[in-house]
Amino acid sequence: AQDFFAAFGHDKYGTSGNDTTINQADMEGVTFIAVQALEKRTQELQKENSELKSELEKVKVDYAARLERIEAAMNQQSTKRNIAPVK
């Protein structure tokens, strides 16, 4: 109860409860706020994950295009030197 009061007993509205007992309503309020914070964090992480997936897809496309250009250049050089093309 002392730790709970130290953490949650004083807010912008004043003091609530005491350091010897925990009121059920106080516990429910803290639990509700914790659930809200977890939901907010989950939404932020989902957004970040979506952004990272999009960025990764762009990197994959860029990598494939660069690889194609490199292979084309190597094949041009192979053709000029009469060497089997790269696949």
PDB file of N, CA and C in Angstrom:
ATOM      1  N   ALA A   1       0.824  -1.184   0.000  1.00  0.00           N
ATOM      2  CA  ALA A   1       0.000   0.000   0.000  1.00  0.00           C
ATOM      3  C   ALA A   1       0.871   1.252   0.000  1.00  0.00           C
ATOM      4  N   GLN A   2       2.014   1.178   0.682  1.00  0.00           N
ATOM      5  CA  GLN A   2       2.898   2.353   0.731  1.00  0.00           C
ATOM      6  C   GLN A   2       3.481   2.650  -0.654  1.00  0.00           C
ATOM      7  N   ASP A   3       3.911   1.613  -1.357  1.00  0.00           N
ATOM      8  CA  ASP A   3       4.458   1.806  -2.702  1.00  0.00           C
ATOM      9  C   ASP A   3       3.373   2.304  -3.659  1.00  0.00           C
ATOM     10  N   PHE A   4       2.194   1.759  -3.552  1.00  0.00           N
ATOM     11  CA  PHE A   4       1.077   2.171  -4.397  1.00  0.00           C
ATOM     12  C   PHE A   4       0.750   3.646  -4.144  1.00  0.00           C
ATOM     13  N   PHE A   5       0.686   4.025  -2.876  1.00  0.00           N
ATOM     14  CA  PHE A   5       0.389   5.412  -2.524  1.00  0.00           C
ATOM     15  C   PHE A   5       1.494   6.343  -3.017  1.00  0.00           C
ATOM     16  N   ALA A   6       2.744   5.911  -2.882  1.00  0.00           N
ATOM     17  CA  ALA A   6       3.858   6.743  -3.344  1.00  0.00           C
ATOM     18  C   ALA A   6       3.808   6.943  -4.857  1.00  0.00           C
ATOM     19  N   ALA A   7       3.396   5.900  -5.578  1.00  0.00           N
ATOM     20  CA  ALA A   7       3.357   5.974  -7.040  1.00  0.00           C
ATOM     21  C   ALA A   7       2.104   6.666  -7.560  1.00  0.00           C
ATOM     22  N   PHE A   8       0.967   6.448  -6.921  1.00  0.00           N
ATOM     23  CA  PHE A   8      -0.299   6.913  -7.485  1.00  0.00           C
ATOM     24  C   PHE A   8      -1.135   7.793  -6.549  1.00  0.00           C
ATOM     25  N   GLY A   9      -0.687   8.041  -5.345  1.00  0.00           N
ATOM     26  CA  GLY A   9      -1.494   8.760  -4.357  1.00  0.00           C
ATOM     27  C   GLY A   9      -1.538  10.260  -4.553  1.00  0.00           C
ATOM     28  N   HIS A  10      -0.664  10.785  -5.385  1.00  0.00           N
ATOM     29  CA  HIS A  10      -0.623  12.233  -5.597  1.00  0.00           C
ATOM     30  C   HIS A  10      -0.698  12.497  -7.096  1.00  0.00           C
ATOM     31  N   ASP A  11      -1.707  13.239  -7.502  1.00  0.00           N
ATOM     32  CA  ASP A  11      -1.827  13.589  -8.909  1.00  0.00           C
ATOM     33  C   ASP A  11      -2.150  15.065  -9.032  1.00  0.00           C
ATOM     34  N   LYS A  12      -2.495  15.502 -10.228  1.00  0.00           N
ATOM     35  CA  LYS A  12      -2.760  16.929 -10.433  1.00  0.00           C
ATOM     36  C   LYS A  12      -3.999  17.418  -9.686  1.00  0.00           C
ATOM     37  N   TYR A  13      -4.815  16.493  -9.197  1.00  0.00           N
ATOM     38  CA  TYR A  13      -6.028  16.869  -8.477  1.00  0.00           C
ATOM     39  C   TYR A  13      -5.824  16.879  -6.965  1.00  0.00           C
ATOM     40  N   GLY A  14      -4.709  16.352  -6.501  1.00  0.00           N
ATOM     41  CA  GLY A  14      -4.446  16.321  -5.068  1.00  0.00           C
ATOM     42  C   GLY A  14      -4.041  14.935  -4.606  1.00  0.00           C
ATOM     43  N   THR A  15      -4.353  14.646  -3.366  1.00  0.00           N
ATOM     44  CA  THR A  15      -3.997  13.365  -2.755  1.00  0.00           C
ATOM     45  C   THR A  15      -5.218  12.473  -2.715  1.00  0.00           C
ATOM     46  N   SER A  16      -5.000  11.199  -3.037  1.00  0.00           N
ATOM     47  CA  SER A  16      -6.101  10.240  -2.932  1.00  0.00           C
ATOM     48  C   SER A  16      -5.617   9.015  -2.189  1.00  0.00           C
ATOM     49  N   GLY A  17      -6.468   8.482  -1.362  1.00  0.00           N
ATOM     50  CA  GLY A  17      -6.126   7.282  -0.606  1.00  0.00           C
ATOM     51  C   GLY A  17      -5.145   7.571   0.513  1.00  0.00           C
ATOM     52  N   ASN A  18      -4.546   6.493   1.025  1.00  0.00           N
ATOM     53  CA  ASN A  18      -3.535   6.629   2.078  1.00  0.00           C
ATOM     54  C   ASN A  18      -2.495   5.539   1.913  1.00  0.00           C
ATOM     55  N   ASP A  19      -1.499   5.534   2.774  1.00  0.00           N
ATOM     56  CA  ASP A  19      -0.395   4.589   2.612  1.00  0.00           C
ATOM     57  C   ASP A  19      -0.580   3.283   3.379  1.00  0.00           C
ATOM     58  N   THR A  20      -1.791   3.033   3.879  1.00  0.00           N
ATOM     59  CA  THR A  20      -2.024   1.785   4.609  1.00  0.00           C
ATOM     60  C   THR A  20      -3.028   0.865   3.924  1.00  0.00           C
ATOM     61  N   THR A  21      -3.842   1.407   2.998  1.00  0.00           N
ATOM     62  CA  THR A  21      -4.823   0.580   2.288  1.00  0.00           C
ATOM     63  C   THR A  21      -4.877   0.998   0.814  1.00  0.00           C
ATOM     64  N   ILE A  22      -5.387   0.100  -0.009  1.00  0.00           N
ATOM     65  CA  ILE A  22      -5.602   0.416  -1.417  1.00  0.00           C
ATOM     66  C   ILE A  22      -7.085   0.269  -1.704  1.00  0.00           C
ATOM     67  N   ASN A  23      -7.694   1.332  -2.127  1.00  0.00           N
ATOM     68  CA  ASN A  23      -9.110   1.355  -2.466  1.00  0.00           C
ATOM     69  C   ASN A  23      -9.299   0.621  -3.798  1.00  0.00           C
ATOM     70  N   GLN A  24     -10.328  -0.194  -3.899  1.00  0.00           N
ATOM     71  CA  GLN A  24     -10.597  -0.956  -5.116  1.00  0.00           C
ATOM     72  C   GLN A  24     -10.775  -0.037  -6.320  1.00  0.00           C
ATOM     73  N   ALA A  25     -11.439   1.083  -6.123  1.00  0.00           N
ATOM     74  CA  ALA A  25     -11.650   2.033  -7.223  1.00  0.00           C
ATOM     75  C   ALA A  25     -10.315   2.605  -7.707  1.00  0.00           C
ATOM     76  N   ASP A  26      -9.387   2.865  -6.789  1.00  0.00           N
ATOM     77  CA  ASP A  26      -8.066   3.355  -7.180  1.00  0.00           C
ATOM     78  C   ASP A  26      -7.341   2.310  -8.019  1.00  0.00           C
ATOM     79  N   MET A  27      -7.426   1.062  -7.598  1.00  0.00           N
ATOM     80  CA  MET A  27      -6.771  -0.023  -8.324  1.00  0.00           C
ATOM     81  C   MET A  27      -7.370  -0.157  -9.716  1.00  0.00           C
ATOM     82  N   GLU A  28      -8.681  -0.062  -9.831  1.00  0.00           N
ATOM     83  CA  GLU A  28      -9.346  -0.155 -11.132  1.00  0.00           C
ATOM     84  C   GLU A  28      -8.943   1.009 -12.033  1.00  0.00           C
ATOM     85  N   GLY A  29      -8.833   2.192 -11.453  1.00  0.00           N
ATOM     86  CA  GLY A  29      -8.417   3.365 -12.235  1.00  0.00           C
ATOM     87  C   GLY A  29      -7.016   3.210 -12.784  1.00  0.00           C
ATOM     88  N   VAL A  30      -6.109   2.747 -11.937  1.00  0.00           N
ATOM     89  CA  VAL A  30      -4.731   2.535 -12.376  1.00  0.00           C
ATOM     90  C   VAL A  30      -4.678   1.450 -13.455  1.00  0.00           C
ATOM     91  N   THR A  31      -5.444   0.401 -13.265  1.00  0.00           N
ATOM     92  CA  THR A  31      -5.490  -0.673 -14.257  1.00  0.00           C
ATOM     93  C   THR A  31      -6.023  -0.155 -15.590  1.00  0.00           C
ATOM     94  N   PHE A  32      -7.071   0.640 -15.545  1.00  0.00           N
ATOM     95  CA  PHE A  32      -7.658   1.205 -16.762  1.00  0.00           C
ATOM     96  C   PHE A  32      -6.646   2.088 -17.495  1.00  0.00           C
ATOM     97  N   ILE A  33      -5.941   2.927 -16.753  1.00  0.00           N
ATOM     98  CA  ILE A  33      -4.925   3.799 -17.359  1.00  0.00           C
ATOM     99  C   ILE A  33      -3.801   2.957 -17.967  1.00  0.00           C
ATOM    100  N   ALA A  34      -3.411   1.888 -17.288  1.00  0.00           N
ATOM    101  CA  ALA A  34      -2.363   1.009 -17.811  1.00  0.00           C
ATOM    102  C   ALA A  34      -2.810   0.340 -19.108  1.00  0.00           C
ATOM    103  N   VAL A  35      -4.055  -0.091 -19.165  1.00  0.00           N
ATOM    104  CA  VAL A  35      -4.586  -0.705 -20.380  1.00  0.00           C
ATOM    105  C   VAL A  35      -4.595   0.313 -21.523  1.00  0.00           C
ATOM    106  N   GLN A  36      -4.997   1.542 -21.236  1.00  0.00           N
ATOM    107  CA  GLN A  36      -4.989   2.589 -22.256  1.00  0.00           C
ATOM    108  C   GLN A  36      -3.574   2.833 -22.776  1.00  0.00           C
ATOM    109  N   ALA A  37      -2.610   2.882 -21.871  1.00  0.00           N
ATOM    110  CA  ALA A  37      -1.216   3.109 -22.267  1.00  0.00           C
ATOM    111  C   ALA A  37      -0.699   1.958 -23.129  1.00  0.00           C
ATOM    112  N   LEU A  38      -1.064   0.733 -22.769  1.00  0.00           N
ATOM    113  CA  LEU A  38      -0.647  -0.420 -23.570  1.00  0.00           C
ATOM    114  C   LEU A  38      -1.272  -0.385 -24.958  1.00  0.00           C
ATOM    115  N   GLU A  39      -2.537   0.010 -25.041  1.00  0.00           N
ATOM    116  CA  GLU A  39      -3.201   0.107 -26.348  1.00  0.00           C
ATOM    117  C   GLU A  39      -2.543   1.181 -27.206  1.00  0.00           C
ATOM    118  N   LYS A  40      -2.221   2.311 -26.602  1.00  0.00           N
ATOM    119  CA  LYS A  40      -1.537   3.379 -27.346  1.00  0.00           C
ATOM    120  C   LYS A  40      -0.183   2.883 -27.854  1.00  0.00           C
ATOM    121  N   ARG A  41       0.565   2.217 -26.986  1.00  0.00           N
ATOM    122  CA  ARG A  41       1.876   1.706 -27.389  1.00  0.00           C
ATOM    123  C   ARG A  41       1.731   0.674 -28.503  1.00  0.00           C
ATOM    124  N   THR A  42       0.725  -0.184 -28.403  1.00  0.00           N
ATOM    125  CA  THR A  42       0.490  -1.197 -29.438  1.00  0.00           C
ATOM    126  C   THR A  42       0.203  -0.534 -30.779  1.00  0.00           C
ATOM    127  N   GLN A  43      -0.619   0.504 -30.776  1.00  0.00           N
ATOM    128  CA  GLN A  43      -0.924   1.210 -32.026  1.00  0.00           C
ATOM    129  C   GLN A  43       0.317   1.864 -32.617  1.00  0.00           C
ATOM    130  N   GLU A  44       1.143   2.462 -31.756  1.00  0.00           N
ATOM    131  CA  GLU A  44       2.377   3.095 -32.226  1.00  0.00           C
ATOM    132  C   GLU A  44       3.326   2.052 -32.822  1.00  0.00           C
ATOM    133  N   LEU A  45       3.443   0.903 -32.168  1.00  0.00           N
ATOM    134  CA  LEU A  45       4.317  -0.155 -32.667  1.00  0.00           C
ATOM    135  C   LEU A  45       3.803  -0.736 -33.983  1.00  0.00           C
ATOM    136  N   GLN A  46       2.484  -0.857 -34.100  1.00  0.00           N
ATOM    137  CA  GLN A  46       1.903  -1.352 -35.356  1.00  0.00           C
ATOM    138  C   GLN A  46       2.176  -0.374 -36.495  1.00  0.00           C
ATOM    139  N   LYS A  47       2.061   0.919 -36.213  1.00  0.00           N
ATOM    140  CA  LYS A  47       2.344   1.942 -37.219  1.00  0.00           C
ATOM    141  C   LYS A  47       3.820   1.882 -37.627  1.00  0.00           C
ATOM    142  N   GLU A  48       4.706   1.797 -36.638  1.00  0.00           N
ATOM    143  CA  GLU A  48       6.143   1.711 -36.929  1.00  0.00           C
ATOM    144  C   GLU A  48       6.451   0.458 -37.737  1.00  0.00           C
ATOM    145  N   ASN A  49       5.837  -0.651 -37.376  1.00  0.00           N
ATOM    146  CA  ASN A  49       6.042  -1.909 -38.087  1.00  0.00           C
ATOM    147  C   ASN A  49       5.607  -1.786 -39.544  1.00  0.00           C
ATOM    148  N   SER A  50       4.464  -1.156 -39.761  1.00  0.00           N
ATOM    149  CA  SER A  50       3.954  -0.954 -41.116  1.00  0.00           C
ATOM    150  C   SER A  50       4.912  -0.080 -41.928  1.00  0.00           C
ATOM    151  N   GLU A  51       5.419   0.984 -41.307  1.00  0.00           N
ATOM    152  CA  GLU A  51       6.363   1.868 -41.986  1.00  0.00           C
ATOM    153  C   GLU A  51       7.653   1.128 -42.329  1.00  0.00           C
ATOM    154  N   LEU A  52       8.137   0.314 -41.400  1.00  0.00           N
ATOM    155  CA  LEU A  52       9.368  -0.443 -41.641  1.00  0.00           C
ATOM    156  C   LEU A  52       9.179  -1.484 -42.741  1.00  0.00           C
ATOM    157  N   LYS A  53       8.007  -2.122 -42.782  1.00  0.00           N
ATOM    158  CA  LYS A  53       7.727  -3.082 -43.856  1.00  0.00           C
ATOM    159  C   LYS A  53       7.727  -2.384 -45.209  1.00  0.00           C
ATOM    160  N   SER A  54       7.129  -1.197 -45.257  1.00  0.00           N
ATOM    161  CA  SER A  54       7.087  -0.426 -46.500  1.00  0.00           C
ATOM    162  C   SER A  54       8.500  -0.038 -46.932  1.00  0.00           C
ATOM    163  N   GLU A  55       9.289   0.413 -45.992  1.00  0.00           N
ATOM    164  CA  GLU A  55      10.675   0.792 -46.293  1.00  0.00           C
ATOM    165  C   GLU A  55      11.474  -0.414 -46.771  1.00  0.00           C
ATOM    166  N   LEU A  56      11.282  -1.561 -46.131  1.00  0.00           N
ATOM    167  CA  LEU A  56      11.981  -2.771 -46.535  1.00  0.00           C
ATOM    168  C   LEU A  56      11.608  -3.164 -47.959  1.00  0.00           C
ATOM    169  N   GLU A  57      10.332  -3.037 -48.302  1.00  0.00           N
ATOM    170  CA  GLU A  57       9.886  -3.379 -49.654  1.00  0.00           C
ATOM    171  C   GLU A  57      10.558  -2.472 -50.679  1.00  0.00           C
ATOM    172  N   LYS A  58      10.685  -1.189 -50.360  1.00  0.00           N
ATOM    173  CA  LYS A  58      11.373  -0.257 -51.260  1.00  0.00           C
ATOM    174  C   LYS A  58      12.840  -0.652 -51.429  1.00  0.00           C
ATOM    175  N   VAL A  59      13.480  -1.047 -50.347  1.00  0.00           N
ATOM    176  CA  VAL A  59      14.881  -1.471 -50.404  1.00  0.00           C
ATOM    177  C   VAL A  59      15.018  -2.717 -51.273  1.00  0.00           C
ATOM    178  N   LYS A  60      14.094  -3.657 -51.138  1.00  0.00           N
ATOM    179  CA  LYS A  60      14.129  -4.880 -51.956  1.00  0.00           C
ATOM    180  C   LYS A  60      13.998  -4.549 -53.433  1.00  0.00           C
ATOM    181  N   VAL A  61      13.073  -3.644 -53.762  1.00  0.00           N
ATOM    182  CA  VAL A  61      12.869  -3.252 -55.155  1.00  0.00           C
ATOM    183  C   VAL A  61      14.125  -2.576 -55.686  1.00  0.00           C
ATOM    184  N   ASP A  62      14.700  -1.675 -54.911  1.00  0.00           N
ATOM    185  CA  ASP A  62      15.920  -0.980 -55.314  1.00  0.00           C
ATOM    186  C   ASP A  62      17.070  -1.972 -55.511  1.00  0.00           C
ATOM    187  N   TYR A  63      17.191  -2.910 -54.592  1.00  0.00           N
ATOM    188  CA  TYR A  63      18.245  -3.933 -54.683  1.00  0.00           C
ATOM    189  C   TYR A  63      18.081  -4.757 -55.960  1.00  0.00           C
ATOM    190  N   ALA A  64      16.862  -5.178 -56.254  1.00  0.00           N
ATOM    191  CA  ALA A  64      16.614  -5.989 -57.455  1.00  0.00           C
ATOM    192  C   ALA A  64      16.959  -5.198 -58.710  1.00  0.00           C
ATOM    193  N   ALA A  65      16.597  -3.912 -58.747  1.00  0.00           N
ATOM    194  CA  ALA A  65      16.904  -3.079 -59.913  1.00  0.00           C
ATOM    195  C   ALA A  65      18.411  -2.921 -60.082  1.00  0.00           C
ATOM    196  N   ARG A  66      19.106  -2.690 -58.994  1.00  0.00           N
ATOM    197  CA  ARG A  66      20.572  -2.556 -59.060  1.00  0.00           C
ATOM    198  C   ARG A  66      21.218  -3.856 -59.519  1.00  0.00           C
ATOM    199  N   LEU A  67      20.720  -4.968 -59.018  1.00  0.00           N
ATOM    200  CA  LEU A  67      21.267  -6.263 -59.404  1.00  0.00           C
ATOM    201  C   LEU A  67      21.063  -6.504 -60.898  1.00  0.00           C
ATOM    202  N   GLU A  68      19.883  -6.147 -61.400  1.00  0.00           N
ATOM    203  CA  GLU A  68      19.621  -6.300 -62.835  1.00  0.00           C
ATOM    204  C   GLU A  68      20.589  -5.454 -63.658  1.00  0.00           C
ATOM    205  N   ARG A  69      20.822  -4.212 -63.212  1.00  0.00           N
ATOM    206  CA  ARG A  69      21.760  -3.348 -63.944  1.00  0.00           C
ATOM    207  C   ARG A  69      23.172  -3.914 -63.927  1.00  0.00           C
ATOM    208  N   ILE A  70      23.588  -4.447 -62.806  1.00  0.00           N
ATOM    209  CA  ILE A  70      24.927  -5.037 -62.703  1.00  0.00           C
ATOM    210  C   ILE A  70      25.049  -6.251 -63.615  1.00  0.00           C
ATOM    211  N   GLU A  71      24.026  -7.119 -63.581  1.00  0.00           N
ATOM    212  CA  GLU A  71      24.055  -8.308 -64.440  1.00  0.00           C
ATOM    213  C   GLU A  71      24.059  -7.911 -65.909  1.00  0.00           C
ATOM    214  N   ALA A  72      23.290  -6.886 -66.270  1.00  0.00           N
ATOM    215  CA  ALA A  72      23.254  -6.427 -67.663  1.00  0.00           C
ATOM    216  C   ALA A  72      24.625  -5.907 -68.073  1.00  0.00           C
ATOM    217  N   ALA A  73      25.268  -5.149 -67.217  1.00  0.00           N
ATOM    218  CA  ALA A  73      26.599  -4.620 -67.522  1.00  0.00           C
ATOM    219  C   ALA A  73      27.609  -5.755 -67.651  1.00  0.00           C
ATOM    220  N   MET A  74      27.505  -6.736 -66.761  1.00  0.00           N
ATOM    221  CA  MET A  74      28.440  -7.877 -66.830  1.00  0.00           C
ATOM    222  C   MET A  74      28.210  -8.672 -68.119  1.00  0.00           C
ATOM    223  N   ASN A  75      26.944  -8.834 -68.501  1.00  0.00           N
ATOM    224  CA  ASN A  75      26.638  -9.572 -69.723  1.00  0.00           C
ATOM    225  C   ASN A  75      27.137  -8.818 -70.948  1.00  0.00           C
ATOM    226  N   GLN A  76      27.054  -7.484 -70.926  1.00  0.00           N
ATOM    227  CA  GLN A  76      27.600  -6.699 -72.040  1.00  0.00           C
ATOM    228  C   GLN A  76      29.102  -6.920 -72.152  1.00  0.00           C
ATOM    229  N   GLN A  77      29.766  -6.908 -71.016  1.00  0.00           N
ATOM    230  CA  GLN A  77      31.209  -7.131 -71.022  1.00  0.00           C
ATOM    231  C   GLN A  77      31.529  -8.553 -71.489  1.00  0.00           C
ATOM    232  N   SER A  78      30.716  -9.516 -71.044  1.00  0.00           N
ATOM    233  CA  SER A  78      30.932 -10.909 -71.454  1.00  0.00           C
ATOM    234  C   SER A  78      30.765 -11.065 -72.949  1.00  0.00           C
ATOM    235  N   THR A  79      29.752 -10.386 -73.501  1.00  0.00           N
ATOM    236  CA  THR A  79      29.491 -10.473 -74.939  1.00  0.00           C
ATOM    237  C   THR A  79      30.655  -9.885 -75.715  1.00  0.00           C
ATOM    238  N   LYS A  80      31.167  -8.775 -75.245  1.00  0.00           N
ATOM    239  CA  LYS A  80      32.311  -8.137 -75.921  1.00  0.00           C
ATOM    240  C   LYS A  80      33.536  -9.035 -75.876  1.00  0.00           C
ATOM    241  N   ARG A  81      33.673  -9.811 -74.813  1.00  0.00           N
ATOM    242  CA  ARG A  81      34.862 -10.667 -74.641  1.00  0.00           C
ATOM    243  C   ARG A  81      34.575 -12.105 -75.077  1.00  0.00           C
ATOM    244  N   ASN A  82      33.355 -12.360 -75.534  1.00  0.00           N
ATOM    245  CA  ASN A  82      32.964 -13.692 -76.000  1.00  0.00           C
ATOM    246  C   ASN A  82      32.992 -14.710 -74.866  1.00  0.00           C
ATOM    247  N   ILE A  83      32.420 -14.335 -73.722  1.00  0.00           N
ATOM    248  CA  ILE A  83      32.350 -15.205 -72.538  1.00  0.00           C
ATOM    249  C   ILE A  83      30.858 -15.505 -72.279  1.00  0.00           C
ATOM    250  N   ALA A  84      30.573 -16.659 -71.695  1.00  0.00           N
ATOM    251  CA  ALA A  84      29.179 -17.032 -71.409  1.00  0.00           C
ATOM    252  C   ALA A  84      28.533 -16.012 -70.490  1.00  0.00           C
ATOM    253  N   PRO A  85      27.264 -15.641 -70.762  1.00  0.00           N
ATOM    254  CA  PRO A  85      26.578 -14.632 -69.957  1.00  0.00           C
ATOM    255  C   PRO A  85      26.347 -15.079 -68.505  1.00  0.00           C
ATOM    256  N   VAL A  86      26.233 -14.104 -67.596  1.00  0.00           N
ATOM    257  CA  VAL A  86      25.959 -14.355 -66.179  1.00  0.00           C
ATOM    258  C   VAL A  86      24.462 -14.522 -65.999  1.00  0.00           C
ATOM    259  N   LYS A  87      24.046 -15.502 -65.171  1.00  0.00           N
ATOM    260  CA  LYS A  87      22.618 -15.727 -64.890  1.00  0.00           C
ATOM    261  C   LYS A  87      22.364 -15.650 -63.419  1.00  0.00           C
TER     262      LYS A  87
END
